[in-house]
Amino acid sequence: MMRGYFITFEGTEGSGKSTQIEVLARHLIRHGHKVVTTREPGGTAFGEQIRRVLLSVKNRRLDPRAELFLYLASRTQHLEEVILPALKKGKIVLCDRFSDATVAYQGFGRQLDMKVVRTAVGYAAKGLSPDLTLLLDLDVRLGLARVKDRGRSNRLDREQREFHQRVRLGYRRLARSEPGRIKIVEASRSPQDVAREIKKIVDRSLAGRGIGK
């Protein structure tokens, strides 16, 4: 079967992932590509139920291990129900967060045993790795200020700044370890400037794989 192309967006809170996914999807569709946009946690009816549990401020005392398993449960269903079927049909999948998020948030952020986290992440994803990951990198203070300006916050938004800083540094470490896959995009610029850079990166990556416009 023809295999599609799997692109993930990563970044800390307020980095603008959702906006940039929408812009990129429109760009790709205009050029004739079949595109699926999705998110984690979520992406399926089951995953959206888990998302509500994970982000609810009522669950501030959720144990980090329980949090890890909930994210992985959502991903397992998401992979089987949405991501793999789309890729098998040759579509481009744009996903807001995937396995890197779990390593960054639960591994670096929550400081769980990294070996356990990576093993669990690999198992849940069935070894699938994105073809391209766009890391929207942003100063933590600016990101949290953006979230505050939105007028709503979730359980993760309310974590201490130190937690978010560990997540950001974790993401940057991942990018240094896989520079071919993870491309850092400086996200403090205007949405238009960020979108232009993302389009260039994606178009170049697709061309390199022989996926024309």
N, C-alpha and C. Protein backbone atom coordinates (compact mmCIF):
# COMPACT_ATOMS: atom_id res chain seq x y z
N MET A 1 0.84 -1.19 0.00
CA MET A 1 0.00 0.00 0.00
C MET A 1 0.88 1.25 0.00
N MET A 2 0.38 2.31 -0.67
CA MET A 2 1.09 3.58 -0.63
C MET A 2 1.05 4.13 0.79
N ARG A 3 2.17 4.66 1.25
CA ARG A 3 2.22 5.25 2.57
C ARG A 3 2.22 6.75 2.45
N GLY A 4 1.46 7.40 3.28
CA GLY A 4 1.39 8.85 3.26
C GLY A 4 2.57 9.49 3.96
N TYR A 5 2.34 10.65 4.52
CA TYR A 5 3.41 11.42 5.16
C TYR A 5 2.87 11.94 6.49
N PHE A 6 3.64 11.71 7.55
CA PHE A 6 3.19 12.00 8.91
C PHE A 6 3.97 13.19 9.46
N ILE A 7 3.26 14.30 9.67
CA ILE A 7 3.87 15.52 10.19
C ILE A 7 3.25 15.85 11.54
N THR A 8 4.09 16.06 12.54
CA THR A 8 3.59 16.43 13.87
C THR A 8 4.04 17.84 14.24
N PHE A 9 3.22 18.48 15.05
CA PHE A 9 3.53 19.80 15.59
C PHE A 9 3.71 19.66 17.09
N GLU A 10 4.81 20.19 17.59
CA GLU A 10 5.09 20.13 19.02
C GLU A 10 5.42 21.53 19.54
N GLY A 11 5.35 21.67 20.86
CA GLY A 11 5.68 22.95 21.47
C GLY A 11 4.99 23.10 22.81
N THR A 12 5.45 24.04 23.59
CA THR A 12 4.88 24.30 24.90
C THR A 12 3.57 25.07 24.76
N GLU A 13 2.94 25.36 25.88
CA GLU A 13 1.65 26.04 25.86
C GLU A 13 1.78 27.42 25.21
N GLY A 14 0.80 27.76 24.38
CA GLY A 14 0.77 29.08 23.77
C GLY A 14 1.68 29.25 22.57
N SER A 15 2.21 28.16 22.05
CA SER A 15 3.17 28.28 20.94
C SER A 15 2.50 28.44 19.58
N GLY A 16 1.19 28.26 19.51
CA GLY A 16 0.47 28.52 18.26
C GLY A 16 0.32 27.32 17.34
N LYS A 17 0.41 26.12 17.88
CA LYS A 17 0.35 24.91 17.05
C LYS A 17 -0.96 24.80 16.27
N SER A 18 -2.08 24.99 16.96
CA SER A 18 -3.38 24.81 16.32
C SER A 18 -3.56 25.75 15.13
N THR A 19 -3.16 27.00 15.31
CA THR A 19 -3.26 27.97 14.21
C THR A 19 -2.42 27.55 13.03
N GLN A 20 -1.19 27.13 13.29
CA GLN A 20 -0.27 26.78 12.21
C GLN A 20 -0.69 25.50 11.48
N ILE A 21 -1.29 24.57 12.18
CA ILE A 21 -1.79 23.36 11.53
C ILE A 21 -2.88 23.72 10.52
N GLU A 22 -3.77 24.60 10.91
CA GLU A 22 -4.85 25.01 10.01
C GLU A 22 -4.30 25.69 8.76
N VAL A 23 -3.31 26.57 8.95
CA VAL A 23 -2.72 27.28 7.82
C VAL A 23 -2.01 26.31 6.88
N LEU A 24 -1.25 25.39 7.45
CA LEU A 24 -0.52 24.43 6.62
C LEU A 24 -1.48 23.50 5.89
N ALA A 25 -2.55 23.08 6.55
CA ALA A 25 -3.53 22.20 5.90
C ALA A 25 -4.12 22.87 4.66
N ARG A 26 -4.47 24.14 4.79
CA ARG A 26 -5.03 24.85 3.64
C ARG A 26 -4.01 24.95 2.50
N HIS A 27 -2.75 25.20 2.86
CA HIS A 27 -1.68 25.29 1.87
C HIS A 27 -1.52 23.96 1.11
N LEU A 28 -1.51 22.87 1.84
CA LEU A 28 -1.33 21.56 1.21
C LEU A 28 -2.52 21.17 0.35
N ILE A 29 -3.71 21.46 0.83
CA ILE A 29 -4.92 21.13 0.07
C ILE A 29 -4.95 21.92 -1.23
N ARG A 30 -4.53 23.18 -1.17
CA ARG A 30 -4.50 24.00 -2.38
C ARG A 30 -3.58 23.40 -3.44
N HIS A 31 -2.57 22.66 -2.98
CA HIS A 31 -1.62 22.06 -3.90
C HIS A 31 -1.95 20.60 -4.21
N GLY A 32 -3.18 20.23 -3.93
CA GLY A 32 -3.66 18.93 -4.38
C GLY A 32 -3.43 17.75 -3.46
N HIS A 33 -2.94 17.99 -2.27
CA HIS A 33 -2.70 16.89 -1.33
C HIS A 33 -3.97 16.54 -0.55
N LYS A 34 -4.09 15.27 -0.21
CA LYS A 34 -5.17 14.82 0.67
C LYS A 34 -4.63 14.89 2.10
N VAL A 35 -5.32 15.66 2.94
CA VAL A 35 -4.81 15.99 4.27
C VAL A 35 -5.79 15.59 5.36
N VAL A 36 -5.26 15.05 6.45
CA VAL A 36 -6.03 14.78 7.66
C VAL A 36 -5.41 15.57 8.79
N THR A 37 -6.21 16.36 9.50
CA THR A 37 -5.72 17.08 10.67
C THR A 37 -6.33 16.46 11.91
N THR A 38 -5.51 16.30 12.94
CA THR A 38 -5.99 15.66 14.16
C THR A 38 -5.16 16.15 15.33
N ARG A 39 -5.47 15.66 16.53
CA ARG A 39 -4.76 16.16 17.71
C ARG A 39 -4.67 15.10 18.80
N GLU A 40 -3.73 15.34 19.71
CA GLU A 40 -3.59 14.51 20.91
C GLU A 40 -3.44 15.40 22.14
N PRO A 41 -4.00 14.96 23.29
CA PRO A 41 -4.90 13.82 23.37
C PRO A 41 -6.21 14.13 22.64
N GLY A 42 -6.84 13.11 22.13
CA GLY A 42 -8.07 13.30 21.37
C GLY A 42 -8.00 12.59 20.04
N GLY A 43 -8.65 13.18 19.05
CA GLY A 43 -8.62 12.62 17.71
C GLY A 43 -9.66 11.54 17.44
N THR A 44 -10.19 10.95 18.49
CA THR A 44 -11.26 9.95 18.40
C THR A 44 -12.27 10.27 19.50
N ALA A 45 -13.45 9.65 19.44
CA ALA A 45 -14.46 9.87 20.48
C ALA A 45 -13.91 9.46 21.84
N PHE A 46 -13.22 8.32 21.88
CA PHE A 46 -12.62 7.85 23.13
C PHE A 46 -11.53 8.81 23.60
N GLY A 47 -10.68 9.24 22.66
CA GLY A 47 -9.59 10.13 23.01
C GLY A 47 -10.07 11.47 23.51
N GLU A 48 -11.17 11.97 22.97
CA GLU A 48 -11.70 13.26 23.42
C GLU A 48 -12.23 13.15 24.85
N GLN A 49 -12.75 11.99 25.22
CA GLN A 49 -13.17 11.79 26.61
C GLN A 49 -11.96 11.85 27.53
N ILE A 50 -10.87 11.22 27.12
CA ILE A 50 -9.64 11.25 27.93
C ILE A 50 -9.10 12.68 27.98
N ARG A 51 -9.18 13.40 26.87
CA ARG A 51 -8.70 14.78 26.84
C ARG A 51 -9.39 15.63 27.92
N ARG A 52 -10.71 15.45 28.04
CA ARG A 52 -11.44 16.23 29.03
C ARG A 52 -10.96 15.91 30.45
N VAL A 53 -10.65 14.65 30.70
CA VAL A 53 -10.13 14.26 32.03
C VAL A 53 -8.75 14.88 32.27
N LEU A 54 -7.88 14.79 31.26
CA LEU A 54 -6.51 15.26 31.41
C LEU A 54 -6.41 16.78 31.58
N LEU A 55 -7.29 17.51 30.92
CA LEU A 55 -7.18 18.96 30.95
C LEU A 55 -8.06 19.64 32.00
N SER A 56 -8.93 18.89 32.62
CA SER A 56 -9.83 19.48 33.61
C SER A 56 -9.07 19.96 34.84
N VAL A 57 -9.36 21.17 35.27
CA VAL A 57 -8.70 21.72 36.46
C VAL A 57 -9.18 20.99 37.72
N LYS A 58 -10.23 20.20 37.59
CA LYS A 58 -10.71 19.44 38.73
C LYS A 58 -9.77 18.28 39.07
N ASN A 59 -8.88 17.95 38.13
CA ASN A 59 -7.99 16.80 38.33
C ASN A 59 -6.55 17.23 38.62
N ARG A 60 -6.41 18.26 39.41
CA ARG A 60 -5.08 18.79 39.71
C ARG A 60 -4.20 17.77 40.44
N ARG A 61 -4.81 16.82 41.14
CA ARG A 61 -4.05 15.84 41.92
C ARG A 61 -3.80 14.55 41.15
N LEU A 62 -4.01 14.57 39.85
CA LEU A 62 -3.78 13.38 39.04
C LEU A 62 -2.32 12.94 39.15
N ASP A 63 -2.12 11.67 39.48
CA ASP A 63 -0.76 11.15 39.62
C ASP A 63 -0.05 11.16 38.26
N PRO A 64 1.23 11.53 38.21
CA PRO A 64 1.96 11.59 36.94
C PRO A 64 1.95 10.27 36.17
N ARG A 65 1.95 9.14 36.89
CA ARG A 65 1.91 7.85 36.19
C ARG A 65 0.54 7.61 35.57
N ALA A 66 -0.51 7.99 36.29
CA ALA A 66 -1.85 7.87 35.73
C ALA A 66 -1.98 8.77 34.51
N GLU A 67 -1.41 9.95 34.59
CA GLU A 67 -1.41 10.89 33.47
C GLU A 67 -0.73 10.26 32.25
N LEU A 68 0.42 9.65 32.47
CA LEU A 68 1.15 9.00 31.39
C LEU A 68 0.30 7.94 30.70
N PHE A 69 -0.34 7.07 31.49
CA PHE A 69 -1.11 5.98 30.92
C PHE A 69 -2.35 6.49 30.18
N LEU A 70 -2.93 7.58 30.66
CA LEU A 70 -4.08 8.15 29.96
C LEU A 70 -3.69 8.69 28.59
N TYR A 71 -2.56 9.38 28.52
CA TYR A 71 -2.08 9.87 27.22
C TYR A 71 -1.82 8.71 26.26
N LEU A 72 -1.23 7.65 26.78
CA LEU A 72 -0.89 6.52 25.92
C LEU A 72 -2.14 5.76 25.48
N ALA A 73 -3.15 5.69 26.35
CA ALA A 73 -4.40 5.04 25.96
C ALA A 73 -5.06 5.81 24.83
N SER A 74 -5.07 7.13 24.94
CA SER A 74 -5.63 7.96 23.87
C SER A 74 -4.86 7.75 22.58
N ARG A 75 -3.54 7.70 22.67
CA ARG A 75 -2.72 7.55 21.46
C ARG A 75 -2.93 6.20 20.79
N THR A 76 -3.03 5.16 21.57
CA THR A 76 -3.21 3.82 21.00
C THR A 76 -4.47 3.76 20.14
N GLN A 77 -5.59 4.28 20.67
CA GLN A 77 -6.83 4.28 19.91
C GLN A 77 -6.74 5.21 18.70
N HIS A 78 -6.11 6.35 18.89
CA HIS A 78 -5.94 7.34 17.83
C HIS A 78 -5.13 6.76 16.67
N LEU A 79 -4.10 6.04 17.00
CA LEU A 79 -3.23 5.45 15.98
C LEU A 79 -4.01 4.45 15.13
N GLU A 80 -4.76 3.58 15.79
CA GLU A 80 -5.47 2.52 15.07
C GLU A 80 -6.67 3.05 14.29
N GLU A 81 -7.32 4.04 14.85
CA GLU A 81 -8.59 4.52 14.28
C GLU A 81 -8.40 5.62 13.23
N VAL A 82 -7.35 6.44 13.39
CA VAL A 82 -7.20 7.62 12.52
C VAL A 82 -5.87 7.64 11.76
N ILE A 83 -4.77 7.61 12.49
CA ILE A 83 -3.47 7.87 11.87
C ILE A 83 -3.05 6.80 10.88
N LEU A 84 -3.01 5.54 11.32
CA LEU A 84 -2.55 4.47 10.42
C LEU A 84 -3.45 4.30 9.20
N PRO A 85 -4.78 4.31 9.35
CA PRO A 85 -5.62 4.20 8.15
C PRO A 85 -5.38 5.33 7.15
N ALA A 86 -5.18 6.55 7.64
CA ALA A 86 -4.93 7.68 6.73
C ALA A 86 -3.61 7.52 6.01
N LEU A 87 -2.58 7.10 6.73
CA LEU A 87 -1.27 6.92 6.11
C LEU A 87 -1.30 5.80 5.07
N LYS A 88 -2.04 4.75 5.36
CA LYS A 88 -2.14 3.64 4.41
C LYS A 88 -2.84 4.06 3.13
N LYS A 89 -3.67 5.09 3.22
CA LYS A 89 -4.36 5.62 2.03
C LYS A 89 -3.53 6.68 1.31
N GLY A 90 -2.32 6.91 1.80
CA GLY A 90 -1.43 7.86 1.14
C GLY A 90 -1.68 9.31 1.49
N LYS A 91 -2.39 9.56 2.56
CA LYS A 91 -2.70 10.94 2.95
C LYS A 91 -1.58 11.56 3.79
N ILE A 92 -1.57 12.88 3.83
CA ILE A 92 -0.67 13.60 4.73
C ILE A 92 -1.42 13.83 6.03
N VAL A 93 -0.86 13.36 7.12
CA VAL A 93 -1.48 13.52 8.43
C VAL A 93 -0.76 14.62 9.20
N LEU A 94 -1.51 15.62 9.62
CA LEU A 94 -0.98 16.71 10.45
C LEU A 94 -1.54 16.52 11.86
N CYS A 95 -0.66 16.25 12.81
CA CYS A 95 -1.11 15.94 14.17
C CYS A 95 -0.54 16.92 15.18
N ASP A 96 -1.42 17.49 15.98
CA ASP A 96 -1.05 18.38 17.07
C ASP A 96 -0.63 17.51 18.26
N ARG A 97 0.66 17.33 18.41
CA ARG A 97 1.33 16.50 19.43
C ARG A 97 1.27 15.02 19.08
N PHE A 98 2.37 14.33 19.48
CA PHE A 98 2.45 12.88 19.35
C PHE A 98 3.45 12.40 20.39
N SER A 99 4.25 11.41 20.07
CA SER A 99 5.11 10.78 21.07
C SER A 99 6.12 11.73 21.71
N ASP A 100 6.65 12.68 20.93
CA ASP A 100 7.62 13.62 21.51
C ASP A 100 7.02 14.39 22.69
N ALA A 101 5.72 14.68 22.61
CA ALA A 101 5.06 15.40 23.70
C ALA A 101 5.10 14.61 25.00
N THR A 102 4.91 13.30 24.89
CA THR A 102 4.93 12.47 26.09
C THR A 102 6.32 12.44 26.71
N VAL A 103 7.33 12.32 25.88
CA VAL A 103 8.71 12.35 26.40
C VAL A 103 9.01 13.70 27.03
N ALA A 104 8.57 14.78 26.39
CA ALA A 104 8.85 16.12 26.91
C ALA A 104 8.07 16.41 28.20
N TYR A 105 6.79 16.11 28.19
CA TYR A 105 5.94 16.47 29.34
C TYR A 105 6.04 15.48 30.50
N GLN A 106 5.91 14.19 30.20
CA GLN A 106 5.94 13.23 31.30
C GLN A 106 7.37 12.81 31.65
N GLY A 107 8.26 12.76 30.66
CA GLY A 107 9.65 12.42 30.93
C GLY A 107 10.42 13.57 31.55
N PHE A 108 10.57 14.64 30.78
CA PHE A 108 11.32 15.80 31.27
C PHE A 108 10.52 16.64 32.25
N GLY A 109 9.26 16.92 31.93
CA GLY A 109 8.45 17.78 32.79
C GLY A 109 8.11 17.16 34.12
N ARG A 110 7.53 15.96 34.09
CA ARG A 110 7.14 15.28 35.33
C ARG A 110 8.30 14.54 35.97
N GLN A 111 9.37 14.38 35.21
CA GLN A 111 10.59 13.71 35.70
C GLN A 111 10.34 12.25 36.07
N LEU A 112 9.48 11.60 35.27
CA LEU A 112 9.31 10.16 35.44
C LEU A 112 10.53 9.44 34.87
N ASP A 113 10.67 8.18 35.21
CA ASP A 113 11.80 7.39 34.73
C ASP A 113 11.81 7.40 33.20
N MET A 114 12.84 7.98 32.63
CA MET A 114 12.87 8.19 31.18
C MET A 114 12.89 6.87 30.42
N LYS A 115 13.57 5.88 30.94
CA LYS A 115 13.61 4.58 30.26
C LYS A 115 12.21 3.99 30.17
N VAL A 116 11.46 4.08 31.27
CA VAL A 116 10.09 3.57 31.29
C VAL A 116 9.22 4.36 30.31
N VAL A 117 9.36 5.68 30.34
CA VAL A 117 8.55 6.53 29.45
C VAL A 117 8.81 6.19 27.99
N ARG A 118 10.08 6.11 27.62
CA ARG A 118 10.41 5.84 26.21
C ARG A 118 9.93 4.46 25.78
N THR A 119 10.05 3.47 26.66
CA THR A 119 9.58 2.12 26.32
C THR A 119 8.07 2.12 26.12
N ALA A 120 7.35 2.77 27.03
CA ALA A 120 5.90 2.82 26.94
C ALA A 120 5.45 3.60 25.70
N VAL A 121 6.13 4.69 25.41
CA VAL A 121 5.81 5.51 24.24
C VAL A 121 5.99 4.70 22.96
N GLY A 122 7.10 3.99 22.85
CA GLY A 122 7.36 3.18 21.67
C GLY A 122 6.33 2.08 21.49
N TYR A 123 5.91 1.48 22.59
CA TYR A 123 4.91 0.42 22.52
C TYR A 123 3.56 0.97 22.06
N ALA A 124 3.13 2.09 22.64
CA ALA A 124 1.84 2.68 22.29
C ALA A 124 1.79 3.12 20.83
N ALA A 125 2.93 3.61 20.32
CA ALA A 125 2.99 4.10 18.94
C ALA A 125 3.33 3.00 17.94
N LYS A 126 3.48 1.78 18.42
CA LYS A 126 3.85 0.64 17.56
C LYS A 126 5.12 0.94 16.77
N GLY A 127 6.00 1.73 17.39
CA GLY A 127 7.27 2.06 16.75
C GLY A 127 7.18 3.14 15.68
N LEU A 128 5.98 3.69 15.46
CA LEU A 128 5.82 4.71 14.42
C LEU A 128 6.44 6.03 14.86
N SER A 129 7.25 6.60 13.98
CA SER A 129 7.86 7.90 14.23
C SER A 129 7.42 8.86 13.12
N PRO A 130 7.16 10.12 13.43
CA PRO A 130 6.78 11.07 12.39
C PRO A 130 7.87 11.20 11.32
N ASP A 131 7.45 11.49 10.09
CA ASP A 131 8.41 11.78 9.03
C ASP A 131 9.06 13.15 9.26
N LEU A 132 8.28 14.06 9.83
CA LEU A 132 8.75 15.43 10.08
C LEU A 132 8.04 15.97 11.31
N THR A 133 8.81 16.61 12.18
CA THR A 133 8.23 17.23 13.37
C THR A 133 8.63 18.70 13.39
N LEU A 134 7.64 19.56 13.55
CA LEU A 134 7.86 21.00 13.63
C LEU A 134 7.73 21.42 15.09
N LEU A 135 8.84 21.83 15.67
CA LEU A 135 8.86 22.24 17.08
C LEU A 135 8.74 23.76 17.14
N LEU A 136 7.60 24.24 17.57
CA LEU A 136 7.38 25.68 17.72
C LEU A 136 7.94 26.10 19.07
N ASP A 137 9.12 26.65 19.03
CA ASP A 137 9.85 26.98 20.25
C ASP A 137 9.54 28.41 20.69
N LEU A 138 9.24 28.56 21.98
CA LEU A 138 8.80 29.86 22.49
C LEU A 138 9.20 30.01 23.95
N ASP A 139 9.62 31.20 24.31
CA ASP A 139 9.92 31.50 25.71
C ASP A 139 8.69 31.17 26.56
N VAL A 140 8.91 30.48 27.66
CA VAL A 140 7.81 30.01 28.50
C VAL A 140 6.96 31.17 29.00
N ARG A 141 7.58 32.26 29.41
CA ARG A 141 6.81 33.39 29.93
C ARG A 141 5.88 33.96 28.87
N LEU A 142 6.36 34.06 27.64
CA LEU A 142 5.54 34.58 26.56
C LEU A 142 4.39 33.62 26.24
N GLY A 143 4.69 32.33 26.23
CA GLY A 143 3.65 31.34 25.95
C GLY A 143 2.53 31.37 26.98
N LEU A 144 2.90 31.43 28.25
CA LEU A 144 1.89 31.46 29.31
C LEU A 144 1.10 32.76 29.28
N ALA A 145 1.75 33.85 28.89
CA ALA A 145 1.05 35.12 28.75
C ALA A 145 0.01 35.04 27.64
N ARG A 146 0.36 34.36 26.55
CA ARG A 146 -0.61 34.17 25.46
C ARG A 146 -1.81 33.37 25.94
N VAL A 147 -1.54 32.33 26.71
CA VAL A 147 -2.63 31.51 27.24
C VAL A 147 -3.55 32.34 28.12
N LYS A 148 -2.94 33.17 28.95
CA LYS A 148 -3.72 34.03 29.85
C LYS A 148 -4.59 35.00 29.07
N ASP A 149 -4.05 35.51 27.97
CA ASP A 149 -4.80 36.46 27.14
C ASP A 149 -6.01 35.80 26.48
N ARG A 150 -5.96 34.47 26.30
CA ARG A 150 -7.10 33.77 25.70
C ARG A 150 -8.30 33.76 26.63
N GLY A 151 -8.05 33.99 27.92
CA GLY A 151 -9.13 34.05 28.89
C GLY A 151 -9.59 32.71 29.41
N ARG A 152 -8.87 31.64 29.09
CA ARG A 152 -9.21 30.33 29.61
C ARG A 152 -7.92 29.53 29.79
N SER A 153 -7.92 28.68 30.79
CA SER A 153 -6.72 27.87 31.03
C SER A 153 -7.14 26.48 31.47
N ASN A 154 -6.27 25.51 31.23
CA ASN A 154 -6.56 24.13 31.63
C ASN A 154 -5.59 23.69 32.71
N ARG A 155 -5.66 22.42 33.05
CA ARG A 155 -4.83 21.90 34.14
C ARG A 155 -3.35 22.09 33.87
N LEU A 156 -2.90 21.86 32.64
CA LEU A 156 -1.48 22.00 32.32
C LEU A 156 -1.04 23.46 32.33
N ASP A 157 -1.91 24.34 31.85
CA ASP A 157 -1.57 25.76 31.83
C ASP A 157 -1.24 26.27 33.23
N ARG A 158 -1.87 25.66 34.23
CA ARG A 158 -1.73 26.15 35.61
C ARG A 158 -0.53 25.54 36.35
N GLU A 159 0.24 24.74 35.67
CA GLU A 159 1.45 24.19 36.29
C GLU A 159 2.46 25.31 36.54
N GLN A 160 3.38 25.06 37.46
CA GLN A 160 4.42 26.03 37.77
C GLN A 160 5.29 26.30 36.54
N ARG A 161 5.84 27.52 36.48
CA ARG A 161 6.68 27.89 35.35
C ARG A 161 7.87 26.94 35.21
N GLU A 162 8.38 26.45 36.33
CA GLU A 162 9.53 25.54 36.29
C GLU A 162 9.20 24.27 35.52
N PHE A 163 7.98 23.79 35.67
CA PHE A 163 7.54 22.61 34.92
C PHE A 163 7.59 22.89 33.42
N HIS A 164 7.02 24.00 33.01
CA HIS A 164 7.00 24.35 31.59
C HIS A 164 8.41 24.58 31.05
N GLN A 165 9.28 25.10 31.89
CA GLN A 165 10.67 25.30 31.46
C GLN A 165 11.36 23.96 31.24
N ARG A 166 11.11 22.98 32.09
CA ARG A 166 11.68 21.66 31.89
C ARG A 166 11.17 21.04 30.60
N VAL A 167 9.89 21.25 30.32
CA VAL A 167 9.31 20.72 29.07
C VAL A 167 9.99 21.35 27.87
N ARG A 168 10.15 22.67 27.89
CA ARG A 168 10.80 23.35 26.76
C ARG A 168 12.23 22.85 26.56
N LEU A 169 12.97 22.75 27.63
CA LEU A 169 14.35 22.27 27.51
C LEU A 169 14.37 20.83 27.02
N GLY A 170 13.37 20.03 27.44
CA GLY A 170 13.27 18.66 26.97
C GLY A 170 13.04 18.59 25.47
N TYR A 171 12.15 19.42 25.01
CA TYR A 171 11.89 19.48 23.56
C TYR A 171 13.16 19.85 22.80
N ARG A 172 13.88 20.83 23.29
CA ARG A 172 15.09 21.27 22.59
C ARG A 172 16.15 20.16 22.59
N ARG A 173 16.17 19.39 23.66
CA ARG A 173 17.09 18.26 23.70
C ARG A 173 16.72 17.22 22.66
N LEU A 174 15.44 16.95 22.54
CA LEU A 174 14.98 16.01 21.52
C LEU A 174 15.35 16.50 20.13
N ALA A 175 15.21 17.80 19.90
CA ALA A 175 15.53 18.35 18.58
C ALA A 175 17.01 18.20 18.27
N ARG A 176 17.84 18.39 19.27
CA ARG A 176 19.29 18.23 19.06
C ARG A 176 19.65 16.77 18.77
N SER A 177 18.88 15.85 19.32
CA SER A 177 19.18 14.43 19.13
C SER A 177 18.71 13.91 17.78
N GLU A 178 17.71 14.60 17.17
CA GLU A 178 17.19 14.17 15.87
C GLU A 178 17.00 15.38 14.95
N PRO A 179 18.08 16.03 14.57
CA PRO A 179 17.95 17.25 13.75
C PRO A 179 17.37 17.00 12.37
N GLY A 180 17.50 15.79 11.86
CA GLY A 180 16.94 15.49 10.55
C GLY A 180 15.43 15.46 10.54
N ARG A 181 14.84 15.05 11.65
CA ARG A 181 13.38 14.95 11.74
C ARG A 181 12.74 16.16 12.41
N ILE A 182 13.33 16.64 13.48
CA ILE A 182 12.73 17.72 14.27
C ILE A 182 13.33 19.06 13.87
N LYS A 183 12.49 19.93 13.33
CA LYS A 183 12.93 21.25 12.91
C LYS A 183 12.40 22.30 13.88
N ILE A 184 13.30 23.08 14.45
CA ILE A 184 12.90 24.12 15.38
C ILE A 184 12.44 25.36 14.61
N VAL A 185 11.25 25.84 14.97
CA VAL A 185 10.69 27.05 14.36
C VAL A 185 10.50 28.08 15.47
N GLU A 186 11.15 29.21 15.35
CA GLU A 186 11.06 30.25 16.38
C GLU A 186 9.66 30.85 16.34
N ALA A 187 8.88 30.67 17.44
CA ALA A 187 7.45 30.95 17.42
C ALA A 187 7.05 32.28 18.05
N SER A 188 8.01 33.12 18.39
CA SER A 188 7.66 34.42 18.97
C SER A 188 7.31 35.45 17.90
N ARG A 189 7.58 35.11 16.64
CA ARG A 189 7.30 36.01 15.53
C ARG A 189 5.81 36.05 15.20
N SER A 190 5.43 36.85 14.23
CA SER A 190 4.03 36.93 13.84
C SER A 190 3.59 35.58 13.28
N PRO A 191 2.29 35.24 13.38
CA PRO A 191 1.80 33.99 12.81
C PRO A 191 2.11 33.86 11.33
N GLN A 192 2.10 34.98 10.61
CA GLN A 192 2.38 34.95 9.18
C GLN A 192 3.82 34.55 8.89
N ASP A 193 4.75 35.11 9.67
CA ASP A 193 6.16 34.76 9.48
C ASP A 193 6.43 33.30 9.83
N VAL A 194 5.80 32.84 10.91
CA VAL A 194 5.96 31.44 11.32
C VAL A 194 5.40 30.53 10.23
N ALA A 195 4.23 30.88 9.70
CA ALA A 195 3.60 30.06 8.66
C ALA A 195 4.46 29.97 7.42
N ARG A 196 5.09 31.08 7.02
CA ARG A 196 5.94 31.07 5.83
C ARG A 196 7.11 30.11 6.00
N GLU A 197 7.72 30.13 7.18
CA GLU A 197 8.85 29.23 7.41
C GLU A 197 8.39 27.78 7.40
N ILE A 198 7.26 27.51 8.03
CA ILE A 198 6.75 26.15 8.08
C ILE A 198 6.45 25.63 6.67
N LYS A 199 5.84 26.44 5.84
CA LYS A 199 5.54 26.02 4.47
C LYS A 199 6.82 25.67 3.72
N LYS A 200 7.86 26.47 3.89
CA LYS A 200 9.13 26.20 3.21
C LYS A 200 9.72 24.87 3.68
N ILE A 201 9.70 24.65 4.98
CA ILE A 201 10.25 23.40 5.53
C ILE A 201 9.48 22.20 5.00
N VAL A 202 8.15 22.29 5.04
CA VAL A 202 7.32 21.16 4.63
C VAL A 202 7.44 20.92 3.13
N ASP A 203 7.39 21.96 2.32
CA ASP A 203 7.51 21.78 0.87
C ASP A 203 8.84 21.13 0.51
N ARG A 204 9.90 21.55 1.17
CA ARG A 204 11.22 20.98 0.92
C ARG A 204 11.26 19.52 1.35
N SER A 205 10.66 19.21 2.48
CA SER A 205 10.65 17.84 2.99
C SER A 205 9.85 16.92 2.08
N LEU A 206 8.70 17.40 1.62
CA LEU A 206 7.89 16.59 0.71
C LEU A 206 8.60 16.35 -0.61
N ALA A 207 9.23 17.39 -1.12
CA ALA A 207 9.97 17.26 -2.39
C ALA A 207 11.10 16.24 -2.25
N GLY A 208 11.74 16.25 -1.07
CA GLY A 208 12.82 15.30 -0.83
C GLY A 208 12.37 13.86 -0.82
N ARG A 209 11.09 13.66 -0.53
CA ARG A 209 10.52 12.32 -0.53
C ARG A 209 9.80 12.00 -1.85
N GLY A 210 9.91 12.93 -2.81
CA GLY A 210 9.29 12.71 -4.10
C GLY A 210 7.79 12.89 -4.09
N ILE A 211 7.28 13.64 -3.08
CA ILE A 211 5.85 13.92 -3.00
C ILE A 211 5.64 15.32 -3.57
N GLY A 212 5.25 15.38 -4.83
CA GLY A 212 5.16 16.66 -5.52
C GLY A 212 3.91 17.43 -5.18
N LYS A 213 3.87 18.67 -5.68
CA LYS A 213 2.72 19.53 -5.46
C LYS A 213 1.60 19.11 -6.40
